[in-house]
Amino acid sequence: MSTIDTSYIKKGLCIIFRDAPHIVVEKTFVSPGKGSAFYRTKLKNIKTGSVLEFTFKSGEKLEEAPVEVKEFQYSYSDGEELFFVDPRTYEQVTLKKEIVGDFFPLMKEQDAYQLYMLDGQTIALRPPLKVRLKVVKAEPGAKGNTVTGATKEVELETGYKVLVPLFIKEGDIVSVNVESGKYTERVTE
């Protein structure tokens, strides 16, 4: 297992903390006027799912978890578990829906996702920064109502609803920020 410096802390990093594997859920670097800098983090225990806050001093050493990252294709959900398939070997793995959390409504079947594996078990999903989804339901925008930066709600192909600018119409592909769940841009290909 490798040792890393706190400067390498980032969202999605897996570390051994208090003898258990944890994923960094949030990270904030704080550099006060007096005193040394530190990293304020939220860590999620991979095995129990509990989340705790912890502050690391700048320069502190951490132990990186021996996690393997593999790419799998999302196949389907049975309501409680998500099923993934390795497109090369056809190996099938499952992941509890609650582990994926807020990202689940943005997941599209047949898309590839990176999964964390620890000791041969699937423990977590690494969500992308953005996802591209097709708009399937959109009301037409009202003419002349563009000065205020008005928005409307549309439904995407996964059933997720998001606020977008009035010029977005059915059939458009939009990009959604996974962290905030908000529209970022219309995608032109």
Protein backbone atom coordinates (compact mmCIF):
# COMPACT_ATOMS: atom_id res chain seq x y z
CA MET A 1 0.00 0.00 0.00
CA SER A 2 1.35 3.40 -0.91
CA THR A 3 1.59 6.44 1.29
CA ILE A 4 0.50 9.79 -0.10
CA ASP A 5 0.67 13.39 1.07
CA THR A 6 -2.48 15.39 1.93
CA SER A 7 -1.87 17.55 -1.16
CA TYR A 8 -3.05 14.55 -3.24
CA ILE A 9 -6.47 14.43 -1.53
CA LYS A 10 -9.26 14.75 -4.08
CA LYS A 11 -12.88 13.74 -4.37
CA GLY A 12 -13.16 10.03 -5.14
CA LEU A 13 -9.78 9.08 -3.62
CA CYS A 14 -9.84 5.87 -1.57
CA ILE A 15 -7.79 5.89 1.63
CA ILE A 16 -7.37 3.72 4.70
CA PHE A 17 -8.65 5.76 7.65
CA ARG A 18 -8.95 4.28 11.15
CA ASP A 19 -8.18 0.83 9.72
CA ALA A 20 -11.10 0.93 7.24
CA PRO A 21 -11.32 1.91 3.56
CA HIS A 22 -12.96 5.31 2.98
CA ILE A 23 -13.76 7.40 -0.10
CA VAL A 24 -13.21 11.16 -0.01
CA VAL A 25 -16.67 12.65 -0.67
CA GLU A 26 -15.76 16.32 -0.16
CA LYS A 27 -12.51 18.24 0.23
CA THR A 28 -11.87 21.86 1.13
CA PHE A 29 -8.39 23.38 1.41
CA VAL A 30 -8.15 26.04 4.13
CA SER A 31 -5.18 28.38 4.48
CA PRO A 32 -5.76 30.68 7.45
CA GLY A 33 -3.81 33.89 7.91
CA LYS A 34 -2.10 32.51 11.01
CA GLY A 35 -1.24 28.90 11.62
CA SER A 36 -0.74 26.07 9.19
CA ALA A 37 -3.00 25.11 6.31
CA PHE A 38 -5.34 22.12 6.52
CA TYR A 39 -7.78 20.01 4.53
CA ARG A 40 -11.37 19.71 5.75
CA THR A 41 -12.86 16.47 4.37
CA LYS A 42 -15.95 14.28 4.41
CA LEU A 43 -15.08 10.60 4.31
CA LYS A 44 -17.48 7.76 3.51
CA ASN A 45 -16.74 4.35 4.98
CA ILE A 46 -16.89 1.95 2.04
CA LYS A 47 -18.05 -1.03 4.10
CA THR A 48 -20.64 0.62 6.38
CA GLY A 49 -21.67 3.63 4.29
CA SER A 50 -21.33 6.01 7.25
CA VAL A 51 -20.01 9.49 6.54
CA LEU A 52 -17.78 11.46 8.89
CA GLU A 53 -15.96 14.77 8.80
CA PHE A 54 -12.24 14.93 9.52
CA THR A 55 -9.58 17.61 9.26
CA PHE A 56 -6.09 16.69 8.05
CA LYS A 57 -3.09 18.95 8.64
CA SER A 58 -1.25 20.01 5.50
CA GLY A 59 1.68 17.66 4.87
CA GLU A 60 0.17 14.77 6.85
CA LYS A 61 0.72 11.30 5.37
CA LEU A 62 -2.20 9.06 4.36
CA GLU A 63 -2.37 5.44 3.32
CA GLU A 64 -3.98 4.90 -0.08
CA ALA A 65 -6.44 1.97 -0.18
CA PRO A 66 -5.50 -0.92 -2.51
CA VAL A 67 -8.47 -0.26 -4.76
CA GLU A 68 -8.66 -1.41 -8.34
CA VAL A 69 -10.68 0.65 -10.82
CA LYS A 70 -12.40 -1.31 -13.63
CA GLU A 71 -14.71 -0.16 -16.38
CA PHE A 72 -18.11 -1.85 -16.61
CA GLN A 73 -21.23 -1.26 -18.68
CA TYR A 74 -24.41 -0.48 -16.74
CA SER A 75 -26.97 -3.11 -17.68
CA TYR A 76 -30.11 -2.65 -15.54
CA SER A 77 -31.56 -2.16 -12.05
CA ASP A 78 -33.97 -4.41 -10.17
CA GLY A 79 -34.94 -1.58 -7.81
CA GLU A 80 -32.42 -2.34 -5.05
CA GLU A 81 -29.32 -3.41 -6.95
CA LEU A 82 -27.60 -2.22 -10.11
CA PHE A 83 -26.16 -4.79 -12.50
CA PHE A 84 -23.00 -4.14 -14.52
CA VAL A 85 -21.24 -6.23 -17.17
CA ASP A 86 -17.60 -6.21 -18.27
CA PRO A 87 -17.94 -5.90 -22.08
CA ARG A 88 -14.71 -7.87 -22.64
CA THR A 89 -15.19 -10.84 -20.31
CA TYR A 90 -18.99 -10.68 -19.75
CA GLU A 91 -18.33 -10.85 -15.99
CA GLN A 92 -21.37 -9.52 -14.12
CA VAL A 93 -21.16 -7.54 -10.86
CA THR A 94 -23.76 -5.83 -8.70
CA LEU A 95 -23.80 -2.69 -6.61
CA LYS A 96 -26.40 -1.58 -4.07
CA LYS A 97 -28.48 1.36 -5.33
CA GLU A 98 -27.96 3.38 -2.12
CA ILE A 99 -24.18 3.32 -2.68
CA VAL A 100 -24.66 5.18 -5.98
CA GLY A 101 -26.95 7.68 -4.22
CA ASP A 102 -27.91 10.90 -6.01
CA PHE A 103 -26.16 9.86 -9.22
CA PHE A 104 -28.61 7.01 -9.97
CA PRO A 105 -31.27 9.16 -11.76
CA LEU A 106 -28.57 10.30 -14.22
CA MET A 107 -27.38 6.79 -15.10
CA LYS A 108 -28.15 5.55 -18.59
CA GLU A 109 -28.27 1.85 -19.48
CA GLN A 110 -25.45 0.64 -21.74
CA ASP A 111 -23.13 3.50 -20.67
CA ALA A 112 -19.67 2.63 -19.31
CA TYR A 113 -18.82 3.50 -15.69
CA GLN A 114 -15.75 3.03 -13.54
CA LEU A 115 -16.26 0.80 -10.51
CA TYR A 116 -14.03 0.51 -7.46
CA MET A 117 -13.05 -3.05 -6.57
CA LEU A 118 -11.56 -4.00 -3.17
CA ASP A 119 -10.61 -7.58 -2.34
CA GLY A 120 -12.57 -8.82 -5.38
CA GLN A 121 -15.79 -7.04 -4.35
CA THR A 122 -17.46 -4.07 -6.04
CA ILE A 123 -17.55 -1.31 -3.42
CA ALA A 124 -18.39 1.94 -5.19
CA LEU A 125 -18.97 3.73 -8.48
CA ARG A 126 -16.85 6.65 -9.67
CA PRO A 127 -19.33 9.04 -11.27
CA PRO A 128 -18.14 11.17 -14.19
CA LEU A 129 -18.01 14.96 -13.81
CA LYS A 130 -20.76 15.46 -16.40
CA VAL A 131 -23.25 13.30 -18.26
CA ARG A 132 -24.86 13.90 -21.66
CA LEU A 133 -28.53 13.06 -21.90
CA LYS A 134 -31.26 13.57 -24.50
CA VAL A 135 -34.26 15.78 -23.76
CA VAL A 136 -37.46 13.72 -24.22
CA LYS A 137 -40.09 16.19 -22.91
CA ALA A 138 -39.90 19.96 -23.18
CA GLU A 139 -42.55 22.67 -23.36
CA PRO A 140 -41.88 25.33 -25.99
CA GLY A 141 -40.26 28.49 -24.60
CA ALA A 142 -42.34 31.69 -24.52
CA LYS A 143 -41.14 34.29 -27.03
CA GLY A 144 -39.77 37.49 -25.60
CA ASN A 145 -39.12 35.97 -22.17
CA THR A 146 -35.35 35.72 -22.54
CA VAL A 147 -34.13 38.92 -20.88
CA THR A 148 -34.35 37.58 -17.33
CA GLY A 149 -32.45 34.34 -18.06
CA ALA A 150 -35.70 32.41 -17.67
CA THR A 151 -35.65 28.65 -17.40
CA LYS A 152 -38.06 25.78 -17.85
CA GLU A 153 -38.14 22.20 -16.59
CA VAL A 154 -37.47 19.39 -19.07
CA GLU A 155 -37.40 15.62 -18.71
CA LEU A 156 -34.31 13.71 -19.81
CA GLU A 157 -34.15 10.18 -21.24
CA THR A 158 -33.49 8.67 -17.79
CA GLY A 159 -36.58 10.36 -16.32
CA TYR A 160 -34.49 12.99 -14.50
CA LYS A 161 -35.94 16.52 -14.57
CA VAL A 162 -33.71 19.57 -14.78
CA LEU A 163 -34.07 23.34 -15.31
CA VAL A 164 -32.70 24.54 -18.65
CA PRO A 165 -32.76 27.77 -20.70
CA LEU A 166 -35.88 28.38 -22.80
CA PHE A 167 -34.13 27.62 -26.12
CA ILE A 168 -33.69 23.90 -25.27
CA LYS A 169 -36.18 21.69 -27.12
CA GLU A 170 -37.08 18.01 -27.40
CA GLY A 171 -34.34 16.00 -29.07
CA ASP A 172 -31.50 18.27 -27.84
CA ILE A 173 -28.60 16.70 -25.98
CA VAL A 174 -27.71 18.52 -22.76
CA SER A 175 -24.83 18.20 -20.35
CA VAL A 176 -25.62 17.89 -16.62
CA ASN A 177 -23.11 18.45 -13.82
CA VAL A 178 -23.20 15.28 -11.71
CA GLU A 179 -22.22 17.00 -8.45
CA SER A 180 -24.87 19.72 -8.57
CA GLY A 181 -27.44 17.93 -10.75
CA LYS A 182 -27.80 21.11 -12.82
CA TYR A 183 -27.75 21.86 -16.53
CA THR A 184 -24.37 23.07 -17.83
CA GLU A 185 -24.68 23.34 -21.61
CA ARG A 186 -26.37 22.17 -24.80
CA VAL A 187 -24.18 19.70 -26.64
CA THR A 188 -23.74 20.13 -30.37
CA GLU A 189 -22.04 17.23 -32.07
